[in-house]
């Protein structure tokens, strides 16, 4: 069977426009008062305009170039309103370029599409670069924050370390002081006790001496009283008693090497016997 034929577009021929030396205002309405439904595809190039809202289609090959970057288009009440900024300030004789054949139209379309693609690519690359720069800036900012946080943590650790070191040093100093005090206190206590004991011992000694003197005095008085009461006997007459000791007999056999020693012992013993006298009173 026959292949279906593509639907033919409905060309929009009627448009209204006005201009100043620098701006062109163009309105593209729907055909016979019908609105452009949906969101039409609007294309704007230096010398080419296109509005496609199926089945409607509008094309315009402009009299002179425009600055498409500063030009705008808006959809309002089913019509498209263009505000076109001229590249050169001058009044146009007409909205459309004169004597534009099909080949020139095709060439203008292709150039417009190619430039649009290049511009879109440039914008995409620029967006990628901006995104990369933003990511880089965000990464640098994150790294700076992390570095600042790390420095803050290191400072806190250093402060804690210094605090702990100071506490340890203080503890050591206190221990040293306590040790010195503990070493001094016993000496002071001993000295104090000695100082306290000296008057006590002297007083005790004096008291003991006094009590002993009193006791001795009382004892002497007691004996003197008794002696006075008792009669004293007459002294006895003296006499001398002679003592004799038996000779010493050595149990071992006589040895010539011991004779002198034995004779010396015997003589010493005799001397002792002769010299020992006991005085007996009768």
Protein backbone atom coordinates (compact mmCIF):
# COMPACT_ATOMS: atom_id res chain seq x y z
CA UNK A 1 0.00 0.00 0.00
CA UNK A 2 0.99 3.63 -0.26
CA UNK A 3 3.06 5.02 2.63
CA UNK A 4 1.32 7.69 4.71
CA UNK A 5 2.29 11.17 3.71
CA UNK A 6 3.68 13.56 6.35
CA UNK A 7 1.21 16.18 7.48
CA UNK A 8 1.83 19.47 5.75
CA UNK A 9 2.53 22.43 8.08
CA UNK A 10 0.17 25.37 8.29
CA UNK A 11 2.21 28.41 7.44
CA UNK A 12 1.67 31.53 9.49
CA UNK A 13 1.95 34.51 7.18
CA UNK A 14 0.27 37.23 9.15
CA UNK A 15 2.49 39.06 11.68
CA UNK A 16 2.76 42.57 13.00
CA UNK A 17 5.91 44.49 13.81
CA UNK A 18 7.26 47.87 14.71
CA UNK A 19 10.74 49.18 15.25
CA UNK A 20 13.02 51.78 16.72
CA UNK A 21 16.59 52.49 15.75
CA UNK A 22 17.82 49.68 18.00
CA UNK A 23 14.86 47.34 18.67
CA UNK A 24 12.29 45.43 16.60
CA UNK A 25 9.00 44.31 18.24
CA UNK A 26 7.34 41.37 16.41
CA UNK A 27 4.10 39.51 17.21
CA UNK A 28 3.26 36.12 15.60
CA UNK A 29 -0.42 35.25 16.19
CA UNK A 30 -2.20 31.98 15.52
CA UNK A 31 -3.99 31.60 12.16
CA UNK A 32 -7.53 33.02 12.08
CA UNK A 33 -7.45 33.84 15.79
CA UNK A 34 -6.53 30.31 16.84
CA UNK A 35 -3.98 30.13 19.64
CA UNK A 36 -0.68 28.36 19.47
CA UNK A 37 -1.34 25.39 21.75
CA UNK A 38 1.29 23.90 24.03
CA UNK A 39 4.81 25.25 24.22
CA UNK A 40 6.03 26.18 20.74
CA UNK A 41 9.59 25.61 19.60
CA UNK A 42 11.14 29.07 19.13
CA UNK A 43 14.46 29.43 17.33
CA UNK A 44 16.31 32.74 17.01
CA UNK A 45 19.50 33.39 15.05
CA UNK A 46 21.21 36.45 13.63
CA UNK A 47 19.01 36.63 10.51
CA UNK A 48 16.58 33.76 11.04
CA UNK A 49 13.47 33.30 13.19
CA UNK A 50 11.36 30.16 13.52
CA UNK A 51 8.24 29.30 15.51
CA UNK A 52 7.00 25.72 15.29
CA UNK A 53 3.80 24.73 17.10
CA UNK A 54 2.42 21.79 15.13
CA UNK A 55 0.70 22.13 12.80
CA UNK A 56 1.68 25.82 12.68
CA UNK A 57 5.01 26.99 11.34
CA UNK A 58 6.50 30.49 11.02
CA UNK A 59 9.80 31.45 9.40
CA UNK A 60 11.41 34.85 8.86
CA UNK A 61 14.67 35.80 7.12
CA UNK A 62 15.45 39.19 8.66
CA UNK A 63 16.56 42.34 6.94
CA UNK A 64 19.71 42.75 9.08
CA UNK A 65 21.54 40.81 11.79
CA UNK A 66 20.32 40.91 15.39
CA UNK A 67 21.99 40.11 18.71
CA UNK A 68 20.31 36.82 19.56
CA UNK A 69 21.94 36.73 23.00
CA UNK A 70 20.12 39.92 24.04
CA UNK A 71 16.89 39.20 22.15
CA UNK A 72 13.91 37.58 23.89
CA UNK A 73 10.61 35.81 23.05
CA UNK A 74 7.56 35.15 25.21
CA UNK A 75 4.29 33.27 24.77
CA UNK A 76 1.21 35.20 25.79
CA UNK A 77 -2.49 34.58 24.91
CA UNK A 78 -1.56 32.07 22.20
CA UNK A 79 0.83 34.48 20.44
CA UNK A 80 4.62 34.83 20.46
CA UNK A 81 6.04 38.28 21.24
CA UNK A 82 9.63 38.92 20.06
CA UNK A 83 11.92 41.70 21.24
CA UNK A 84 14.84 41.75 18.82
CA UNK A 85 17.97 43.82 19.56
CA UNK A 86 19.65 45.13 16.40
CA UNK A 87 23.40 44.72 16.04
CA UNK A 88 23.62 48.09 14.28
CA UNK A 89 21.35 50.97 15.19
CA UNK A 90 19.44 51.79 12.03
CA UNK A 91 15.93 51.70 10.71
CA UNK A 92 15.02 48.77 8.46
CA UNK A 93 13.24 49.21 5.21
CA UNK A 94 11.40 45.95 5.76
CA UNK A 95 11.20 43.11 8.29
CA UNK A 96 12.21 40.46 5.76
CA UNK A 97 15.27 40.35 3.56
CA UNK A 98 14.59 40.94 -0.16
CA UNK A 99 15.18 38.41 -2.91
CA UNK A 100 15.89 35.30 -0.85
CA UNK A 101 15.69 32.18 -2.99
CA UNK A 102 15.38 28.59 -1.74
CA UNK A 103 19.10 27.88 -1.84
CA UNK A 104 19.90 30.95 0.22
CA UNK A 105 17.10 30.06 2.64
CA UNK A 106 18.55 26.56 3.05
CA UNK A 107 22.04 27.94 3.56
CA UNK A 108 20.79 30.42 6.18
CA UNK A 109 18.91 27.63 7.98
CA UNK A 110 21.96 25.34 8.01
CA UNK A 111 24.29 28.11 9.20
CA UNK A 112 21.83 29.07 11.94
CA UNK A 113 21.51 25.46 13.13
CA UNK A 114 25.29 24.95 13.02
CA UNK A 115 25.92 28.12 14.96
CA UNK A 116 23.22 27.15 17.43
CA UNK A 117 24.89 23.75 17.97
CA UNK A 118 28.29 25.38 18.43
CA UNK A 119 26.79 27.88 20.83
CA UNK A 120 25.05 25.10 22.76
CA UNK A 121 28.33 23.17 22.90
CA UNK A 122 30.16 26.25 24.14
CA UNK A 123 27.51 26.81 26.77
CA UNK A 124 27.69 23.15 27.80
CA UNK A 125 31.46 23.33 28.06
CA UNK A 126 31.24 26.57 29.96
CA UNK A 127 28.72 25.02 32.33
CA UNK A 128 31.01 22.03 32.80
CA UNK A 129 33.93 24.35 33.52
CA UNK A 130 31.86 26.38 35.95
CA UNK A 131 30.63 23.20 37.59
CA UNK A 132 34.20 21.92 37.83
CA UNK A 133 35.32 25.23 39.30
CA UNK A 134 32.45 25.15 41.77
CA UNK A 135 33.36 21.58 42.69
CA UNK A 136 36.99 22.59 43.04
CA UNK A 137 36.04 25.58 45.17
CA UNK A 138 33.74 23.39 47.24
CA UNK A 139 36.52 20.80 47.64
CA UNK A 140 39.01 23.49 48.63
CA UNK A 141 36.51 24.95 51.08
CA UNK A 142 35.87 21.48 52.53
CA UNK A 143 39.61 20.86 52.80
CA UNK A 144 40.07 24.20 54.52
CA UNK A 145 37.28 23.38 56.96
CA UNK A 146 38.78 19.95 57.63
CA UNK A 147 42.22 21.49 58.10
CA UNK A 148 40.79 24.09 60.48
CA UNK A 149 38.97 21.35 62.40
CA UNK A 150 42.13 19.25 62.52
CA UNK A 151 44.12 22.22 63.82
CA UNK A 152 41.43 22.90 66.43
CA UNK A 153 41.55 19.26 67.56
CA UNK A 154 45.37 19.36 67.67
CA UNK A 155 45.25 22.54 69.74
CA UNK A 156 42.78 20.94 72.15
CA UNK A 157 45.03 17.87 72.42
CA UNK A 158 48.06 20.07 73.05
CA UNK A 159 46.18 22.00 75.74
CA UNK A 160 45.09 18.76 77.39
CA UNK A 161 48.65 17.45 77.22
CA UNK A 162 50.04 20.62 78.77
CA UNK A 163 47.36 20.51 81.45
CA UNK A 164 48.14 16.88 82.25
CA UNK A 165 51.87 17.66 82.37
CA UNK A 166 51.27 20.59 84.72
CA UNK A 167 49.09 18.43 86.97
CA UNK A 168 51.79 15.74 87.09
CA UNK A 169 54.45 18.33 87.93
CA UNK A 170 52.23 19.80 90.67
CA UNK A 171 51.62 16.32 92.03
CA UNK A 172 55.36 15.65 92.10
CA UNK A 173 56.03 18.94 93.88
CA UNK A 174 53.33 18.19 96.45
CA UNK A 175 54.80 14.73 97.02
CA UNK A 176 58.26 16.20 97.50
CA UNK A 177 56.91 18.74 99.96
CA UNK A 178 55.02 16.04 101.85
CA UNK A 179 58.15 13.87 102.01
CA UNK A 180 60.21 16.77 103.35
CA UNK A 181 57.51 17.56 105.90
CA UNK A 182 57.32 13.93 106.90
CA UNK A 183 61.10 13.90 107.35
CA UNK A 184 61.05 17.11 109.38
CA UNK A 185 58.08 16.30 111.59
CA UNK A 186 59.61 13.24 113.36
CA UNK A 187 62.79 15.21 114.10
CA UNK A 188 60.76 18.09 115.43
CA UNK A 189 58.61 15.75 117.49
CA UNK A 190 61.67 13.98 118.89
CA UNK A 191 63.31 17.29 119.72
CA UNK A 192 60.10 18.57 121.25
CA UNK A 193 59.69 15.42 123.31
CA UNK A 194 63.30 15.65 124.48
CA UNK A 195 62.75 19.25 125.44
CA UNK A 196 59.58 18.28 127.26
CA UNK A 197 61.23 15.29 128.94
CA UNK A 198 64.27 17.22 130.19
CA UNK A 199 62.39 19.28 132.81
CA UNK A 200 60.32 16.26 133.72
CA UNK A 201 63.40 14.05 134.21
CA UNK A 202 65.14 16.77 136.22
CA UNK A 203 62.05 17.27 138.34
CA UNK A 204 61.66 13.54 138.74
CA UNK A 205 65.33 13.18 139.72
CA UNK A 206 65.03 15.97 142.22
CA UNK A 207 61.86 14.40 143.59
CA UNK A 208 63.53 11.02 143.78
CA UNK A 209 66.57 12.52 145.53
CA UNK A 210 64.38 14.33 147.99
CA UNK A 211 62.30 11.22 148.70
CA UNK A 212 65.46 9.13 149.11
CA UNK A 213 66.91 11.71 151.47
CA UNK A 214 63.73 11.74 153.45
CA UNK A 215 63.68 7.95 153.56
CA UNK A 216 67.33 7.81 154.57
CA UNK A 217 66.74 10.42 157.23
CA UNK A 218 63.74 8.60 158.56
CA UNK A 219 65.65 5.27 158.47
CA UNK A 220 68.60 6.81 160.27
CA UNK A 221 66.38 8.21 162.89
CA UNK A 222 64.71 4.85 163.29
CA UNK A 223 68.01 2.96 163.75
CA UNK A 224 69.40 5.63 166.05
CA UNK A 225 66.36 5.38 168.19
CA UNK A 226 66.72 1.59 168.32
CA UNK A 227 70.40 1.79 169.12
CA UNK A 228 69.69 4.16 171.89
CA UNK A 229 67.09 1.82 173.27
CA UNK A 230 69.31 -1.33 173.02
CA UNK A 231 72.50 -1.72 175.00
CA UNK A 232 75.78 -2.04 173.08
CA UNK A 233 77.86 -5.21 174.05
CA UNK A 234 81.55 -5.04 174.87
CA UNK A 235 84.05 -5.74 172.07
CA UNK A 236 85.50 -9.24 171.78
CA UNK A 237 89.20 -10.01 172.11
CA UNK A 238 91.22 -10.83 168.93
CA UNK A 239 93.03 -14.13 168.17
CA UNK A 240 95.02 -15.91 165.40
CA UNK A 241 94.14 -19.25 163.80
CA UNK A 242 96.67 -21.29 161.80
CA UNK A 243 95.30 -23.06 158.69
CA UNK A 244 96.97 -26.01 157.02
CA UNK A 245 96.13 -27.44 153.63
CA UNK A 246 96.69 -30.97 152.42
CA UNK A 247 99.37 -31.34 149.82
CA UNK A 248 98.24 -31.48 146.16
CA UNK A 249 98.66 -34.80 144.44
CA UNK A 250 98.87 -34.85 140.64
CA UNK A 251 97.07 -37.91 139.20
CA UNK A 252 99.27 -38.10 136.13
CA UNK A 253 102.72 -39.72 136.03
CA UNK A 254 105.77 -37.67 136.84
CA UNK A 255 107.29 -36.07 133.79
CA UNK A 256 110.62 -34.44 133.72
CA UNK A 257 109.25 -31.66 131.44
CA UNK A 258 106.63 -30.78 134.04
CA UNK A 259 108.77 -30.90 137.18
CA UNK A 260 109.59 -27.22 137.22
CA UNK A 261 105.97 -26.24 136.65
CA UNK A 262 104.75 -28.59 139.40
CA UNK A 263 107.35 -27.35 141.85
CA UNK A 264 106.35 -23.77 141.01
CA UNK A 265 102.71 -24.62 141.65
CA UNK A 266 103.57 -26.33 144.92
CA UNK A 267 105.71 -23.43 146.02
CA UNK A 268 103.01 -21.00 145.01
CA UNK A 269 100.49 -23.02 146.94
CA UNK A 270 102.70 -23.18 150.01
CA UNK A 271 103.22 -19.48 149.70
CA UNK A 272 99.49 -19.03 149.55
CA UNK A 273 99.01 -21.32 152.52
CA UNK A 274 101.66 -19.50 154.45
CA UNK A 275 100.26 -16.12 153.59
CA UNK A 276 96.61 -16.98 154.20
CA UNK A 277 95.63 -16.21 157.73
CA UNK A 278 92.17 -15.72 159.16
CA UNK A 279 91.51 -13.42 162.08
CA UNK A 280 88.70 -14.64 164.24
CA UNK A 281 87.13 -12.57 166.93
CA UNK A 282 85.86 -14.25 169.98
